[in-house]
Each structure stands twice: as structure tokens, then as C-alpha cells.
């Protein structure tokens, strides 16, 4: 099953390349990175070690940030959690994007900057499920809807919904098709959008699958951990985690209590 997940991402990588989505200027972005191209070895290690189980709770993020997945190829994957000495223990070579933004260099496992979203997500998983990541991955897995990082001239992150309309439509069609195939492969018990925007992409895909094949997948969402979200910053150091856990408990997700 892990091999099927990797093949799904390879096909998405190829379709985005064919679409021209990785070239600078796509959607109006000054720079575009696809970590599934230059960090696929680490992503493959992540899936081989932790992914490929049917019936899990599948958490789906929107797209990578510059100091997380853009560095390692793993969703929300800031280096100190992902690397060989980190909680996830992943390995592999990390290359460089074809057109690198000078303010967003890819340094791989040597990158010392923390991405708040990644620190919140993986920090919560480690705190909640303990030092052995297998306890988390027995019932859960984390993926991203779109693997591309979009940046403005200043290096600021550009979310997919802010891309120019024609390019955005083509991108979303490719990511929808790949995500729907991933759902069909993993048959998750639940698919949980990390943020409302992703939830809005997932819900119709799950409805289509149920209509086409009878596969029923519960769809939910949790608060996005980005520091750009005022709600995610409320409540002190555990503010986002407490709110996300409350939402997960409402969905009857097993939190390992």
C-alpha cells in the first residue's frame, strides 16, 4: 500500500510538471517549488516508515510552507522532526529547486528555522502519542492536497486560492484528481482537512466516491495551525493543540487516551 501512495504522488508530480505549474510565473507567483521533485527520497522514506495503511484518519494540509515541507518533502515537515535523528526518523538526499528564491533557500536537514505550523502539528502528535511515532501512525497519516510552494517577489507565501484564475483552475483539477485517487487507495475512516479551505476541496471528492463506488468516508476539519490565523494563536503555547483536540473529539477520533 505504501508503494501505491508513492505512485500516486509520482503521477501528481508528473501531471504538475506537464501543466507547467512548477515554472516561475505560474498563477502569478515569482517562484514555485515542488519538493516531491527534489526531496522525493525523504518523502518516500516517510511513506515507507509510516504510511500506507487503510482505514486511518487521513489529515490533509493545503500546501507546503517554506521552512517545512519545502525543506524536507514531508507534509508539515520541519527538519528537526523529520530527519534521521528526529521523531519521524526519515532519510534520503535533498536537492534544490530549479529556480530558487534567494530569500527562501532549500537547506534540507541543516535548515534551523522552524515553521510554526509544522512545529504545532508534529509537536502535538509527539506530545499526545509519545516518543514512538508508531502509536500515532497506527491510526493516522498526514498528507498535503497540493505539493507546490508558491512565493511572491518578496518571498512571501502565496496560497493556491490567490493564484490567477486560469492557472488556479488547472492546478485544482490536478490536485482534486490525485486526492480522489488517494482516498480510493487508502479508504480512510475519516479525511480531515487541516483548515476550512482544504475541507472545502475534500467534501465533494468524498461525496463523488460514495456516489460512484459506495465508499463512504467521513469528512471533517480542524483549525489550521498557521500563525496567520488569529484563532490558532489564542490560548497560549497549547492553544492550537487544545482547539484541534476538541474538534477531533467531536469527530470521535481516538487520541490515545
Protein backbone atom coordinates (compact mmCIF):
# COMPACT_ATOMS: atom_id res chain seq x y z
CA UNK A 1 0.00 0.00 0.00
CA UNK A 2 2.90 2.39 0.70
CA UNK A 3 4.06 1.80 -2.87
CA UNK A 4 0.61 2.81 -4.15
CA UNK A 5 0.79 6.06 -2.18
CA UNK A 6 4.22 6.85 -3.61
CA UNK A 7 2.98 6.13 -7.13
CA UNK A 8 0.04 8.45 -6.57
CA UNK A 9 2.42 11.26 -5.68
CA UNK A 10 4.70 10.45 -8.63
CA UNK A 11 1.78 10.75 -11.00
CA UNK A 12 0.75 14.06 -9.43
CA UNK A 13 4.33 15.28 -9.74
CA UNK A 14 4.34 14.40 -13.44
CA UNK A 15 0.95 15.99 -14.13
CA UNK A 16 2.01 19.23 -12.43
CA UNK A 17 5.21 19.28 -14.46
CA UNK A 18 3.23 18.74 -17.68
CA UNK A 19 0.86 21.52 -16.63
CA UNK A 20 3.78 23.90 -16.28
CA UNK A 21 2.86 24.55 -12.67
CA UNK A 22 6.46 24.46 -11.44
CA UNK A 23 7.70 27.24 -13.70
CA UNK A 24 8.16 30.76 -12.29
CA UNK A 25 5.19 32.91 -13.19
CA UNK A 26 2.58 30.17 -12.84
CA UNK A 27 -0.52 31.75 -11.34
CA UNK A 28 1.42 34.98 -10.96
CA UNK A 29 3.92 33.51 -8.46
CA UNK A 30 7.52 34.68 -8.71
CA UNK A 31 8.88 31.28 -7.66
CA UNK A 32 7.42 27.78 -7.41
CA UNK A 33 8.97 24.78 -5.63
CA UNK A 34 7.89 21.16 -5.88
CA UNK A 35 9.56 19.25 -3.02
CA UNK A 36 8.18 16.00 -4.47
CA UNK A 37 10.81 16.51 -7.17
CA UNK A 38 13.96 17.45 -5.24
CA UNK A 39 13.13 15.77 -1.89
CA UNK A 40 11.22 12.69 -3.06
CA UNK A 41 13.69 10.33 -1.38
CA UNK A 42 12.79 11.72 2.03
CA UNK A 43 9.08 11.69 1.22
CA UNK A 44 9.43 8.04 0.13
CA UNK A 45 11.14 7.25 3.43
CA UNK A 46 8.25 8.91 5.29
CA UNK A 47 5.67 6.81 3.46
CA UNK A 48 7.67 3.58 3.77
CA UNK A 49 8.13 4.04 7.51
CA UNK A 50 4.77 5.48 8.47
CA UNK A 51 2.17 5.34 5.68
CA UNK A 52 0.14 3.07 3.50
CA UNK A 53 -2.44 1.76 5.98
CA UNK A 54 -6.08 1.54 5.04
CA UNK A 55 -8.79 2.83 7.35
CA UNK A 56 -6.76 5.57 9.04
CA UNK A 57 -7.71 9.12 9.87
CA UNK A 58 -6.16 10.94 6.92
CA UNK A 59 -5.19 14.52 7.76
CA UNK A 60 -4.75 16.68 4.66
CA UNK A 61 -2.95 20.02 4.66
CA UNK A 62 -3.24 22.70 1.99
CA UNK A 63 0.28 23.09 0.55
CA UNK A 64 3.85 23.31 1.86
CA UNK A 65 5.41 26.16 3.75
CA UNK A 66 8.96 27.39 3.02
CA UNK A 67 10.53 26.05 6.23
CA UNK A 68 8.64 22.76 6.46
CA UNK A 69 7.80 20.51 3.52
CA UNK A 70 9.75 22.79 1.18
CA UNK A 71 12.87 21.74 3.09
CA UNK A 72 12.19 18.02 3.55
CA UNK A 73 9.41 16.82 1.23
CA UNK A 74 7.26 15.69 4.17
CA UNK A 75 3.93 17.41 4.92
CA UNK A 76 4.35 20.00 7.72
CA UNK A 77 7.87 18.54 7.84
CA UNK A 78 10.21 20.87 9.61
CA UNK A 79 13.70 19.31 9.62
CA UNK A 80 14.15 18.74 13.36
CA UNK A 81 11.12 16.44 13.39
CA UNK A 82 11.66 14.74 10.03
CA UNK A 83 15.37 13.90 9.83
CA UNK A 84 17.24 10.73 10.85
CA UNK A 85 17.64 12.00 14.42
CA UNK A 86 14.12 13.42 14.63
CA UNK A 87 10.82 11.92 15.72
CA UNK A 88 9.95 10.68 12.23
CA UNK A 89 13.43 9.30 11.51
CA UNK A 90 13.32 9.79 7.73
CA UNK A 91 16.32 9.58 5.44
CA UNK A 92 17.26 10.50 1.89
CA UNK A 93 19.02 13.07 -0.23
CA UNK A 94 17.54 16.53 -0.70
CA UNK A 95 18.37 18.50 -3.82
CA UNK A 96 17.43 22.03 -4.82
CA UNK A 97 14.56 23.54 -6.81
CA UNK A 98 15.31 24.57 -10.38
CA UNK A 99 14.64 28.26 -9.72
CA UNK A 100 15.40 29.06 -6.10
CA UNK A 101 14.19 32.26 -4.47
CA UNK A 102 17.14 33.99 -2.77
CA UNK A 103 15.11 34.60 0.38
CA UNK A 104 13.84 31.00 0.60
CA UNK A 105 16.88 28.73 0.19
CA UNK A 106 16.43 24.99 0.49
CA UNK A 107 18.89 23.74 3.12
CA UNK A 108 17.28 20.39 3.84
CA UNK A 109 18.00 18.82 7.21
CA UNK A 110 20.50 21.57 8.01
CA UNK A 111 17.78 24.24 7.97
CA UNK A 112 17.47 25.58 11.51
CA UNK A 113 14.37 27.71 11.02
CA UNK A 114 11.15 26.40 12.50
CA UNK A 115 7.86 26.56 10.67
CA UNK A 116 5.15 27.28 13.24
CA UNK A 117 2.53 25.12 11.50
CA UNK A 118 4.87 22.13 11.38
CA UNK A 119 6.01 22.62 14.96
CA UNK A 120 2.41 22.71 16.10
CA UNK A 121 1.25 19.67 14.12
CA UNK A 122 4.15 17.29 14.73
CA UNK A 123 4.79 18.69 18.19
CA UNK A 124 1.19 17.88 19.11
CA UNK A 125 1.44 14.36 17.65
CA UNK A 126 4.61 13.61 19.61
CA UNK A 127 3.24 15.09 22.83
CA UNK A 128 -0.10 13.29 22.52
CA UNK A 129 1.12 9.87 21.32
CA UNK A 130 4.57 9.69 22.90
CA UNK A 131 8.15 9.02 21.79
CA UNK A 132 7.25 6.13 19.47
CA UNK A 133 5.66 7.62 16.32
CA UNK A 134 4.13 4.23 15.51
CA UNK A 135 1.42 4.93 18.10
CA UNK A 136 0.29 7.91 16.04
CA UNK A 137 0.61 6.28 12.63
CA UNK A 138 -1.27 3.12 13.57
CA UNK A 139 -4.44 5.12 13.16
CA UNK A 140 -3.40 8.31 11.39
CA UNK A 141 -1.49 9.67 8.42
CA UNK A 142 -0.74 13.17 7.15
CA UNK A 143 -0.65 14.27 3.52
CA UNK A 144 -0.97 17.50 1.55
CA UNK A 145 -3.58 18.39 -1.04
CA UNK A 146 -1.12 20.35 -3.19
CA UNK A 147 2.65 19.73 -3.05
CA UNK A 148 3.69 23.08 -4.54
CA UNK A 149 5.10 26.12 -2.72
CA UNK A 150 4.21 29.46 -4.32
CA UNK A 151 6.12 32.63 -3.48
CA UNK A 152 5.83 36.30 -4.34
CA UNK A 153 8.73 38.55 -5.39
CA UNK A 154 9.33 39.32 -1.71
CA UNK A 155 9.44 35.62 -0.80
CA UNK A 156 6.07 35.73 0.96
CA UNK A 157 3.94 32.61 0.76
CA UNK A 158 1.14 32.67 -1.84
CA UNK A 159 -1.71 30.27 -1.08
CA UNK A 160 -3.32 28.40 -4.00
CA UNK A 161 -6.59 30.31 -3.75
CA UNK A 162 -4.70 33.54 -4.51
CA UNK A 163 -3.27 32.33 -7.83
CA UNK A 164 -4.56 33.72 -11.12
CA UNK A 165 -7.87 32.12 -12.05
CA UNK A 166 -6.97 30.07 -15.14
CA UNK A 167 -3.85 28.55 -13.61
CA UNK A 168 -5.65 28.00 -10.31
CA UNK A 169 -8.42 26.03 -12.00
CA UNK A 170 -5.94 23.76 -13.78
CA UNK A 171 -3.96 23.23 -10.58
CA UNK A 172 -7.04 22.36 -8.53
CA UNK A 173 -8.26 19.91 -11.16
CA UNK A 174 -4.95 18.03 -11.00
CA UNK A 175 -4.84 18.04 -7.19
CA UNK A 176 -8.51 17.02 -6.93
CA UNK A 177 -7.91 14.04 -9.22
CA UNK A 178 -4.84 12.92 -7.29
CA UNK A 179 -6.50 13.35 -3.90
CA UNK A 180 -9.56 11.43 -5.01
CA UNK A 181 -7.33 8.58 -6.19
CA UNK A 182 -5.50 8.66 -2.84
CA UNK A 183 -8.80 8.38 -0.98
CA UNK A 184 -9.81 5.45 -3.15
CA UNK A 185 -6.47 3.77 -2.40
CA UNK A 186 -6.37 4.30 1.36
CA UNK A 187 -10.10 4.08 2.07
CA UNK A 188 -9.61 6.20 5.20
CA UNK A 189 -12.13 6.06 8.00
CA UNK A 190 -12.07 9.84 8.04
CA UNK A 191 -10.45 12.52 5.96
CA UNK A 192 -9.74 15.64 7.97
CA UNK A 193 -8.96 18.93 6.31
CA UNK A 194 -6.37 20.97 8.17
CA UNK A 195 -8.20 24.23 7.68
CA UNK A 196 -11.54 25.13 6.12
CA UNK A 197 -10.17 25.66 2.62
CA UNK A 198 -8.93 22.08 2.31
CA UNK A 199 -12.15 20.79 3.85
CA UNK A 200 -13.97 22.55 1.02
CA UNK A 201 -11.92 20.60 -1.53
CA UNK A 202 -12.27 17.25 0.25
CA UNK A 203 -16.02 17.17 0.90
CA UNK A 204 -17.13 16.98 -2.76
CA UNK A 205 -14.44 14.40 -3.56
CA UNK A 206 -15.69 12.13 -0.79
CA UNK A 207 -19.28 12.62 -1.98
CA UNK A 208 -18.27 11.66 -5.54
CA UNK A 209 -16.56 8.50 -4.31
CA UNK A 210 -19.61 7.45 -2.32
CA UNK A 211 -21.86 8.00 -5.33
CA UNK A 212 -19.52 6.18 -7.72
CA UNK A 213 -18.44 3.21 -5.63
CA UNK A 214 -20.34 3.22 -2.35
CA UNK A 215 -17.15 4.06 -0.42
CA UNK A 216 -18.24 6.22 2.49
CA UNK A 217 -15.63 8.45 4.11
CA UNK A 218 -16.45 10.76 6.99
CA UNK A 219 -15.20 14.30 6.30
CA UNK A 220 -14.19 16.77 8.98
CA UNK A 221 -11.83 19.65 9.64
CA UNK A 222 -9.61 21.10 12.31
CA UNK A 223 -8.28 24.60 12.83
CA UNK A 224 -5.31 25.45 10.63
CA UNK A 225 -2.15 25.84 12.75
CA UNK A 226 -0.74 28.80 10.82
CA UNK A 227 0.30 31.79 12.94
CA UNK A 228 -1.55 33.87 10.32
CA UNK A 229 -4.77 32.57 11.89
CA UNK A 230 -5.71 34.64 14.97
CA UNK A 231 -7.73 31.72 16.33
CA UNK A 232 -4.72 29.41 16.19
CA UNK A 233 -2.71 31.84 18.33
CA UNK A 234 -5.22 32.03 21.17
CA UNK A 235 -4.76 30.20 24.44
CA UNK A 236 -1.00 30.21 24.91
CA UNK A 237 1.50 27.54 23.86
CA UNK A 238 -1.13 24.80 23.68
CA UNK A 239 -3.84 26.99 22.24
CA UNK A 240 -3.94 25.45 18.78
CA UNK A 241 -3.49 21.90 20.13
CA UNK A 242 -6.32 22.28 22.65
CA UNK A 243 -8.69 23.61 19.99
CA UNK A 244 -7.73 20.94 17.46
CA UNK A 245 -8.17 18.19 20.04
CA UNK A 246 -11.62 19.48 20.94
CA UNK A 247 -12.60 19.32 17.27
CA UNK A 248 -11.15 15.82 16.93
CA UNK A 249 -13.05 14.61 20.00
CA UNK A 250 -16.26 15.88 18.44
CA UNK A 251 -15.45 13.64 15.46
CA UNK A 252 -14.84 10.73 17.87
CA UNK A 253 -11.20 10.45 16.84
CA UNK A 254 -9.15 8.18 19.11
CA UNK A 255 -6.48 10.38 20.72
CA UNK A 256 -4.73 7.56 22.51
CA UNK A 257 -6.10 8.41 25.97
